[in-house]
Structure formats: C-alpha cells, structure tokens
N, C-alpha and C. Protein backbone atom coordinates (compact mmCIF):
# COMPACT_ATOMS: atom_id res chain seq x y z
N MET A 1 52.55 -5.75 136.01
CA MET A 1 51.85 -4.72 135.28
C MET A 1 50.75 -5.35 134.45
N SER A 2 49.59 -4.75 134.48
CA SER A 2 48.51 -5.32 133.68
C SER A 2 48.04 -4.27 132.69
N GLY A 3 47.86 -4.68 131.45
CA GLY A 3 47.44 -3.75 130.41
C GLY A 3 48.59 -2.92 129.91
N GLN A 4 48.27 -2.17 128.88
CA GLN A 4 49.30 -1.30 128.29
C GLN A 4 49.56 -0.11 129.20
N THR A 5 50.80 0.30 129.25
CA THR A 5 51.14 1.47 130.04
C THR A 5 50.82 2.72 129.24
N LEU A 6 50.81 3.84 129.91
CA LEU A 6 50.58 5.12 129.24
C LEU A 6 51.67 5.37 128.20
N THR A 7 52.90 4.98 128.53
CA THR A 7 54.01 5.12 127.59
C THR A 7 53.77 4.33 126.31
N ASP A 8 53.25 3.10 126.45
CA ASP A 8 52.93 2.27 125.29
C ASP A 8 51.87 2.94 124.43
N ARG A 9 50.85 3.46 125.07
CA ARG A 9 49.75 4.10 124.32
C ARG A 9 50.22 5.36 123.60
N ILE A 10 51.06 6.14 124.24
CA ILE A 10 51.58 7.36 123.62
C ILE A 10 52.46 7.02 122.43
N ALA A 11 53.34 6.03 122.59
CA ALA A 11 54.23 5.63 121.49
C ALA A 11 53.41 5.14 120.30
N ALA A 12 52.38 4.32 120.55
CA ALA A 12 51.53 3.82 119.46
C ALA A 12 50.81 4.97 118.77
N ALA A 13 50.34 5.93 119.55
CA ALA A 13 49.65 7.09 118.98
C ALA A 13 50.60 7.93 118.12
N GLN A 14 51.84 8.10 118.57
CA GLN A 14 52.82 8.86 117.79
C GLN A 14 53.06 8.20 116.44
N TYR A 15 53.20 6.88 116.42
CA TYR A 15 53.42 6.17 115.16
C TYR A 15 52.18 6.26 114.26
N THR A 16 51.00 6.27 114.87
CA THR A 16 49.77 6.41 114.10
C THR A 16 49.73 7.78 113.44
N LEU A 17 50.10 8.82 114.20
CA LEU A 17 50.09 10.18 113.66
C LEU A 17 51.10 10.37 112.53
N THR A 18 52.24 9.69 112.63
CA THR A 18 53.25 9.83 111.58
C THR A 18 52.94 8.94 110.38
N GLY A 19 51.92 8.09 110.51
CA GLY A 19 51.52 7.24 109.40
C GLY A 19 52.31 5.96 109.25
N SER A 20 53.09 5.61 110.26
CA SER A 20 53.89 4.39 110.19
C SER A 20 53.16 3.25 110.88
N GLU A 21 52.34 2.54 110.12
CA GLU A 21 51.59 1.41 110.68
C GLU A 21 52.51 0.27 111.10
N VAL A 22 53.62 0.09 110.37
CA VAL A 22 54.57 -0.97 110.73
C VAL A 22 55.20 -0.66 112.08
N SER A 23 55.64 0.56 112.28
CA SER A 23 56.25 0.94 113.57
C SER A 23 55.22 0.85 114.69
N ARG A 24 53.98 1.20 114.39
CA ARG A 24 52.91 1.09 115.37
C ARG A 24 52.71 -0.37 115.76
N ALA A 25 52.72 -1.27 114.78
CA ALA A 25 52.55 -2.70 115.06
C ALA A 25 53.72 -3.23 115.89
N VAL A 26 54.94 -2.77 115.59
CA VAL A 26 56.12 -3.17 116.39
C VAL A 26 55.92 -2.71 117.83
N CYS A 27 55.49 -1.47 118.00
CA CYS A 27 55.26 -0.92 119.34
C CYS A 27 54.18 -1.71 120.07
N LYS A 28 53.10 -2.06 119.37
CA LYS A 28 52.01 -2.81 119.99
C LYS A 28 52.43 -4.25 120.32
N ALA A 29 53.32 -4.83 119.53
CA ALA A 29 53.80 -6.19 119.79
C ALA A 29 54.78 -6.23 120.96
N THR A 30 55.37 -5.09 121.27
CA THR A 30 56.43 -5.05 122.29
C THR A 30 56.07 -4.14 123.46
N THR A 31 54.84 -4.26 123.93
CA THR A 31 54.39 -3.43 125.06
C THR A 31 55.02 -3.90 126.37
N HIS A 32 54.73 -3.17 127.43
CA HIS A 32 55.22 -3.51 128.76
C HIS A 32 54.41 -4.61 129.43
N GLU A 33 53.33 -5.07 128.80
CA GLU A 33 52.51 -6.14 129.37
C GLU A 33 53.34 -7.42 129.48
N GLN A 34 53.24 -8.11 130.59
CA GLN A 34 53.99 -9.35 130.78
C GLN A 34 53.22 -10.52 130.19
N THR A 35 52.96 -10.41 128.89
CA THR A 35 52.32 -11.47 128.11
C THR A 35 53.07 -11.57 126.79
N ALA A 36 52.82 -12.65 126.08
CA ALA A 36 53.46 -12.82 124.76
C ALA A 36 52.96 -11.73 123.81
N PRO A 37 53.74 -11.41 122.78
CA PRO A 37 53.24 -10.45 121.77
C PRO A 37 51.95 -11.00 121.17
N LYS A 38 51.00 -10.09 120.93
CA LYS A 38 49.71 -10.54 120.38
C LYS A 38 49.88 -11.07 118.96
N LYS A 39 49.17 -12.16 118.71
CA LYS A 39 49.25 -12.84 117.43
C LYS A 39 48.89 -11.92 116.27
N LYS A 40 47.89 -11.07 116.45
CA LYS A 40 47.47 -10.18 115.36
C LYS A 40 48.57 -9.21 114.97
N HIS A 41 49.37 -8.77 115.92
CA HIS A 41 50.47 -7.85 115.61
C HIS A 41 51.60 -8.58 114.90
N LEU A 42 51.89 -9.80 115.36
CA LEU A 42 52.93 -10.60 114.72
C LEU A 42 52.52 -10.95 113.28
N GLU A 43 51.27 -11.31 113.09
CA GLU A 43 50.79 -11.64 111.74
C GLU A 43 50.84 -10.43 110.82
N TYR A 44 50.49 -9.26 111.35
CA TYR A 44 50.57 -8.03 110.56
C TYR A 44 52.02 -7.77 110.12
N LEU A 45 52.95 -7.95 111.04
CA LEU A 45 54.36 -7.72 110.73
C LEU A 45 54.89 -8.74 109.73
N ILE A 46 54.47 -9.99 109.85
CA ILE A 46 54.88 -11.00 108.87
C ILE A 46 54.38 -10.60 107.49
N GLN A 47 53.11 -10.20 107.40
CA GLN A 47 52.56 -9.76 106.11
C GLN A 47 53.32 -8.54 105.59
N ALA A 48 53.71 -7.66 106.49
CA ALA A 48 54.45 -6.46 106.08
C ALA A 48 55.79 -6.82 105.45
N THR A 49 56.43 -7.88 105.94
CA THR A 49 57.72 -8.27 105.34
C THR A 49 57.53 -8.78 103.92
N GLN A 50 56.32 -9.23 103.59
CA GLN A 50 56.03 -9.72 102.24
C GLN A 50 55.76 -8.58 101.26
N ASP A 51 55.39 -7.42 101.78
CA ASP A 51 55.02 -6.27 100.96
C ASP A 51 56.27 -5.53 100.49
N SER A 52 56.41 -5.41 99.18
CA SER A 52 57.61 -4.76 98.63
C SER A 52 57.64 -3.25 98.92
N ASN A 53 56.52 -2.67 99.29
CA ASN A 53 56.47 -1.24 99.59
C ASN A 53 56.86 -0.91 101.04
N VAL A 54 57.00 -1.94 101.86
CA VAL A 54 57.33 -1.73 103.27
C VAL A 54 58.83 -1.51 103.41
N ASN A 55 59.17 -0.55 104.23
CA ASN A 55 60.56 -0.20 104.49
C ASN A 55 61.13 -1.15 105.56
N VAL A 56 61.79 -2.21 105.11
CA VAL A 56 62.34 -3.21 106.02
C VAL A 56 63.38 -2.59 106.97
N PRO A 57 64.28 -1.71 106.50
CA PRO A 57 65.22 -1.10 107.45
C PRO A 57 64.52 -0.32 108.56
N GLN A 58 63.41 0.35 108.24
CA GLN A 58 62.67 1.08 109.27
C GLN A 58 62.06 0.11 110.28
N MET A 59 61.54 -1.01 109.79
CA MET A 59 60.97 -2.02 110.68
C MET A 59 62.06 -2.56 111.62
N ALA A 60 63.21 -2.88 111.06
CA ALA A 60 64.31 -3.40 111.87
C ALA A 60 64.80 -2.35 112.86
N ASP A 61 64.89 -1.10 112.41
CA ASP A 61 65.35 -0.04 113.32
C ASP A 61 64.37 0.17 114.48
N THR A 62 63.08 0.07 114.19
CA THR A 62 62.09 0.21 115.26
C THR A 62 62.23 -0.93 116.26
N LEU A 63 62.46 -2.15 115.76
CA LEU A 63 62.69 -3.28 116.66
C LEU A 63 63.96 -3.07 117.49
N MET A 64 65.01 -2.59 116.85
CA MET A 64 66.27 -2.37 117.59
C MET A 64 66.10 -1.26 118.62
N GLU A 65 65.27 -0.28 118.31
CA GLU A 65 64.97 0.79 119.27
C GLU A 65 64.28 0.19 120.49
N ARG A 66 63.36 -0.74 120.26
CA ARG A 66 62.65 -1.39 121.37
C ARG A 66 63.60 -2.29 122.17
N VAL A 67 64.59 -2.88 121.51
CA VAL A 67 65.59 -3.69 122.22
C VAL A 67 66.40 -2.82 123.17
N GLY A 68 66.51 -1.54 122.88
CA GLY A 68 67.25 -0.62 123.74
C GLY A 68 66.44 -0.09 124.92
N ASN A 69 65.23 -0.56 125.09
CA ASN A 69 64.35 -0.10 126.16
C ASN A 69 64.90 -0.52 127.52
N ALA A 70 64.53 0.22 128.56
CA ALA A 70 65.01 -0.09 129.92
C ALA A 70 64.29 -1.27 130.55
N SER A 71 63.14 -1.64 130.03
CA SER A 71 62.35 -2.72 130.61
C SER A 71 62.71 -4.06 129.98
N TRP A 72 62.95 -5.07 130.81
CA TRP A 72 63.27 -6.40 130.29
C TRP A 72 62.10 -6.97 129.51
N VAL A 73 60.88 -6.62 129.87
CA VAL A 73 59.70 -7.14 129.17
C VAL A 73 59.70 -6.67 127.73
N VAL A 74 59.91 -5.38 127.53
CA VAL A 74 59.93 -4.81 126.18
C VAL A 74 61.08 -5.40 125.37
N VAL A 75 62.25 -5.51 125.98
CA VAL A 75 63.42 -6.06 125.30
C VAL A 75 63.17 -7.51 124.89
N PHE A 76 62.64 -8.30 125.82
CA PHE A 76 62.39 -9.70 125.53
C PHE A 76 61.34 -9.85 124.42
N LYS A 77 60.28 -9.05 124.48
CA LYS A 77 59.25 -9.12 123.45
C LYS A 77 59.78 -8.64 122.09
N ALA A 78 60.71 -7.70 122.10
CA ALA A 78 61.34 -7.25 120.84
C ALA A 78 62.18 -8.38 120.26
N LEU A 79 62.89 -9.11 121.11
CA LEU A 79 63.68 -10.25 120.65
C LEU A 79 62.77 -11.37 120.13
N ILE A 80 61.66 -11.62 120.82
CA ILE A 80 60.71 -12.64 120.37
C ILE A 80 60.13 -12.25 119.02
N THR A 81 59.76 -10.99 118.88
CA THR A 81 59.19 -10.49 117.62
C THR A 81 60.21 -10.59 116.50
N THR A 82 61.45 -10.21 116.78
CA THR A 82 62.50 -10.29 115.77
C THR A 82 62.71 -11.75 115.34
N HIS A 83 62.78 -12.63 116.30
CA HIS A 83 62.96 -14.05 115.98
C HIS A 83 61.78 -14.56 115.16
N HIS A 84 60.58 -14.20 115.54
CA HIS A 84 59.38 -14.63 114.82
C HIS A 84 59.43 -14.15 113.36
N LEU A 85 59.86 -12.93 113.14
CA LEU A 85 59.96 -12.40 111.78
C LEU A 85 61.09 -13.07 111.01
N MET A 86 62.17 -13.42 111.70
CA MET A 86 63.28 -14.10 111.03
C MET A 86 62.84 -15.49 110.56
N VAL A 87 62.02 -16.16 111.34
CA VAL A 87 61.58 -17.51 111.01
C VAL A 87 60.42 -17.51 110.02
N ASN A 88 59.45 -16.63 110.22
CA ASN A 88 58.20 -16.68 109.44
C ASN A 88 58.05 -15.57 108.41
N GLY A 89 58.88 -14.55 108.49
CA GLY A 89 58.75 -13.43 107.56
C GLY A 89 59.48 -13.68 106.25
N ASN A 90 59.45 -12.68 105.40
CA ASN A 90 60.12 -12.76 104.12
C ASN A 90 61.64 -12.80 104.33
N GLU A 91 62.32 -13.48 103.45
CA GLU A 91 63.77 -13.64 103.57
C GLU A 91 64.51 -12.31 103.54
N ARG A 92 63.92 -11.29 102.89
CA ARG A 92 64.63 -10.00 102.82
C ARG A 92 64.80 -9.37 104.19
N PHE A 93 63.88 -9.67 105.15
CA PHE A 93 64.04 -9.18 106.51
C PHE A 93 65.28 -9.81 107.15
N LEU A 94 65.40 -11.12 107.01
CA LEU A 94 66.55 -11.84 107.56
C LEU A 94 67.84 -11.39 106.88
N GLN A 95 67.81 -11.21 105.57
CA GLN A 95 68.99 -10.76 104.84
C GLN A 95 69.42 -9.37 105.29
N PHE A 96 68.44 -8.50 105.53
CA PHE A 96 68.78 -7.17 106.00
C PHE A 96 69.46 -7.24 107.36
N LEU A 97 68.91 -8.03 108.28
CA LEU A 97 69.52 -8.17 109.61
C LEU A 97 70.93 -8.75 109.50
N ALA A 98 71.10 -9.74 108.63
CA ALA A 98 72.41 -10.38 108.48
C ALA A 98 73.43 -9.42 107.86
N SER A 99 72.97 -8.44 107.11
CA SER A 99 73.89 -7.51 106.44
C SER A 99 74.35 -6.37 107.34
N ARG A 100 73.73 -6.20 108.48
CA ARG A 100 74.08 -5.09 109.37
C ARG A 100 75.37 -5.40 110.13
N ASN A 101 76.17 -4.37 110.33
CA ASN A 101 77.41 -4.54 111.11
C ASN A 101 77.09 -4.80 112.59
N THR A 102 76.16 -4.05 113.11
CA THR A 102 75.77 -4.23 114.50
C THR A 102 74.28 -4.51 114.52
N LEU A 103 73.92 -5.61 115.13
CA LEU A 103 72.52 -5.99 115.15
C LEU A 103 71.86 -5.53 116.45
N PHE A 104 72.33 -6.01 117.55
CA PHE A 104 71.79 -5.65 118.85
C PHE A 104 72.93 -5.15 119.72
N ASN A 105 72.62 -4.23 120.59
CA ASN A 105 73.62 -3.78 121.54
C ASN A 105 73.10 -4.06 122.94
N LEU A 106 73.38 -5.25 123.42
CA LEU A 106 72.91 -5.65 124.75
C LEU A 106 74.06 -5.88 125.72
N SER A 107 75.24 -5.42 125.37
CA SER A 107 76.39 -5.71 126.21
C SER A 107 76.24 -5.16 127.62
N ASN A 108 75.54 -4.04 127.78
CA ASN A 108 75.38 -3.45 129.10
C ASN A 108 73.94 -3.51 129.59
N PHE A 109 73.16 -4.47 129.08
CA PHE A 109 71.75 -4.51 129.46
C PHE A 109 71.61 -4.80 130.94
N LEU A 110 70.81 -3.97 131.59
CA LEU A 110 70.46 -4.18 132.99
C LEU A 110 69.04 -3.67 133.16
N ASP A 111 68.16 -4.53 133.62
CA ASP A 111 66.76 -4.15 133.81
C ASP A 111 66.66 -3.10 134.90
N LYS A 112 66.19 -1.93 134.51
CA LYS A 112 66.09 -0.83 135.47
C LYS A 112 64.74 -0.80 136.17
N THR A 113 63.84 -1.72 135.81
CA THR A 113 62.53 -1.74 136.47
C THR A 113 62.58 -2.48 137.79
N GLY A 114 63.58 -3.36 137.97
CA GLY A 114 63.75 -4.07 139.23
C GLY A 114 62.68 -5.11 139.50
N SER A 115 61.88 -5.44 138.48
CA SER A 115 60.77 -6.36 138.73
C SER A 115 61.19 -7.82 138.85
N HIS A 116 62.33 -8.20 138.30
CA HIS A 116 62.75 -9.59 138.38
C HIS A 116 64.23 -9.74 138.74
N GLY A 117 64.81 -8.70 139.24
CA GLY A 117 66.17 -8.78 139.73
C GLY A 117 67.19 -9.21 138.71
N ALA A 118 68.09 -10.09 139.11
CA ALA A 118 69.24 -10.46 138.29
C ALA A 118 68.93 -11.51 137.23
N THR A 119 67.77 -12.16 137.29
CA THR A 119 67.50 -13.23 136.33
C THR A 119 67.14 -12.72 134.94
N SER A 120 66.47 -11.58 134.86
CA SER A 120 66.03 -11.10 133.55
C SER A 120 67.19 -10.78 132.60
N PRO A 121 68.29 -10.18 133.04
CA PRO A 121 69.40 -9.97 132.09
C PRO A 121 69.95 -11.26 131.51
N MET A 122 69.96 -12.35 132.30
CA MET A 122 70.45 -13.63 131.78
C MET A 122 69.52 -14.16 130.70
N VAL A 123 68.22 -14.04 130.90
CA VAL A 123 67.24 -14.50 129.92
C VAL A 123 67.35 -13.65 128.66
N ILE A 124 67.46 -12.34 128.82
CA ILE A 124 67.57 -11.43 127.68
C ILE A 124 68.82 -11.75 126.88
N ASN A 125 69.93 -11.95 127.56
CA ASN A 125 71.17 -12.25 126.85
C ASN A 125 71.12 -13.60 126.14
N ALA A 126 70.39 -14.56 126.69
CA ALA A 126 70.22 -15.85 126.01
C ALA A 126 69.41 -15.66 124.73
N GLY A 127 68.36 -14.85 124.80
CA GLY A 127 67.57 -14.55 123.60
C GLY A 127 68.38 -13.79 122.57
N PHE A 128 69.18 -12.87 123.04
CA PHE A 128 70.07 -12.10 122.17
C PHE A 128 71.05 -13.02 121.45
N THR A 129 71.63 -13.95 122.18
CA THR A 129 72.59 -14.89 121.59
C THR A 129 71.91 -15.75 120.51
N ALA A 130 70.70 -16.21 120.79
CA ALA A 130 69.96 -17.02 119.82
C ALA A 130 69.67 -16.24 118.54
N CYS A 131 69.26 -14.98 118.66
CA CYS A 131 68.98 -14.16 117.48
C CYS A 131 70.26 -13.90 116.68
N CYS A 132 71.33 -13.61 117.36
CA CYS A 132 72.60 -13.37 116.67
C CYS A 132 73.06 -14.64 115.94
N HIS A 133 72.92 -15.79 116.59
CA HIS A 133 73.31 -17.06 115.98
C HIS A 133 72.49 -17.31 114.72
N ARG A 134 71.22 -17.03 114.77
CA ARG A 134 70.33 -17.23 113.61
C ARG A 134 70.75 -16.32 112.46
N CYS A 135 71.05 -15.05 112.75
CA CYS A 135 71.48 -14.12 111.71
C CYS A 135 72.81 -14.55 111.11
N PHE A 136 73.74 -14.97 111.97
CA PHE A 136 75.04 -15.41 111.50
C PHE A 136 74.90 -16.63 110.59
N SER A 137 74.04 -17.58 111.01
CA SER A 137 73.81 -18.78 110.21
C SER A 137 73.21 -18.43 108.86
N ALA A 138 72.27 -17.49 108.85
CA ALA A 138 71.64 -17.08 107.60
C ALA A 138 72.64 -16.40 106.67
N CYS A 139 73.51 -15.60 107.25
CA CYS A 139 74.53 -14.92 106.46
C CYS A 139 75.47 -15.94 105.84
N LEU A 140 75.90 -16.93 106.61
CA LEU A 140 76.77 -17.98 106.08
C LEU A 140 76.07 -18.78 104.99
N ALA A 141 74.80 -19.11 105.21
CA ALA A 141 74.05 -19.87 104.21
C ALA A 141 73.92 -19.09 102.90
N ALA A 142 73.70 -17.79 103.01
CA ALA A 142 73.58 -16.96 101.81
C ALA A 142 74.91 -16.90 101.06
N GLN A 143 76.01 -16.78 101.80
CA GLN A 143 77.32 -16.74 101.16
C GLN A 143 77.64 -18.09 100.51
N PHE A 144 77.29 -19.19 101.16
CA PHE A 144 77.51 -20.52 100.61
C PHE A 144 76.70 -20.71 99.34
N LYS A 145 75.45 -20.28 99.36
CA LYS A 145 74.57 -20.38 98.20
C LYS A 145 75.14 -19.57 97.03
N GLU A 146 75.66 -18.39 97.34
CA GLU A 146 76.25 -17.53 96.31
C GLU A 146 77.50 -18.18 95.72
N LEU A 147 78.33 -18.80 96.57
CA LEU A 147 79.52 -19.49 96.10
C LEU A 147 79.17 -20.66 95.20
N ASN A 148 78.17 -21.44 95.60
CA ASN A 148 77.76 -22.60 94.80
C ASN A 148 77.20 -22.20 93.44
N SER A 149 76.56 -21.05 93.36
CA SER A 149 75.98 -20.63 92.10
C SER A 149 77.04 -20.17 91.09
N THR A 150 78.24 -19.86 91.57
CA THR A 150 79.32 -19.42 90.66
C THR A 150 80.04 -20.59 90.02
N PHE A 151 79.86 -21.80 90.57
CA PHE A 151 80.56 -22.97 90.02
C PHE A 151 79.68 -23.77 89.10
C-alpha cells in the first residue's frame, strides 16, 4: 500500500473536527503506510507528553485503540509509537501505562489483511512483549524508588 488510505484520512479528519490534535497525531503516526511513523508526528506526541494540559489517558487510549486494528502495519506502528513515547516522552506517560491493569490485548491478534501471512503476528507479539516488559520494569523501578524514599 502506498500513501494514506481513505480510512486513515477519514479518521484524521474526525479527530480534527472533534478538536483532538493529540488523537489526530496518533492516527497520523499509525497509518496503514508500510513506512516508519513520521518523525514530525512522533515529535509532536513527545511534546504533548510534556504539556500538563494534555490528557495522557486519552493519548494512551487512542494508541490502544490503534493496537486493536486489524492491520499488522497499524498495530506495529502503534507499538513503535508507544515505545518511542515511553523512552522519549514525559515520565507521566510511562507511569500511566504502568498503572493500568491491562495494557495491550494482543492475545488473539491475527492480521486480517493477509499481506504478510503468518510472520506478522510473530513480529507484533515480539513488539508487544517488549512494550509490556518496559512498562513492568518502570513499574518496579517506581515502587523501588518509593520504598527507598521511606527509609
């Protein structure tokens, strides 16, 4: 697939109409294009995590919504974007993800586009495992830091 799909353009337009620039940037970073998320969208999202007026739960929910997409490309780009925000964004984004009971639901992921057969679910699940490990590690580090501050 080359360029944004009509579905991508409609979703971005819907977020623009509702006034959610953060959700629009998430949608633009996680298009169906088989390319990496655009740097300008990732940078916008990183800056958004620094802004105290930005609704971090809404940003995370939009990313999780994209992880639930039927296309492996969108799912993989959502995982890449999430990882990028966990590493480069404000700590409150990572803390929010670590505080959630359920982060990603990829247990039954199967690419319904058929573009890469059986290999894409393995790659997606590897990315999923890496993101979960990072959140778990951050949660443990935060708890350890809290314990050390009490002594």
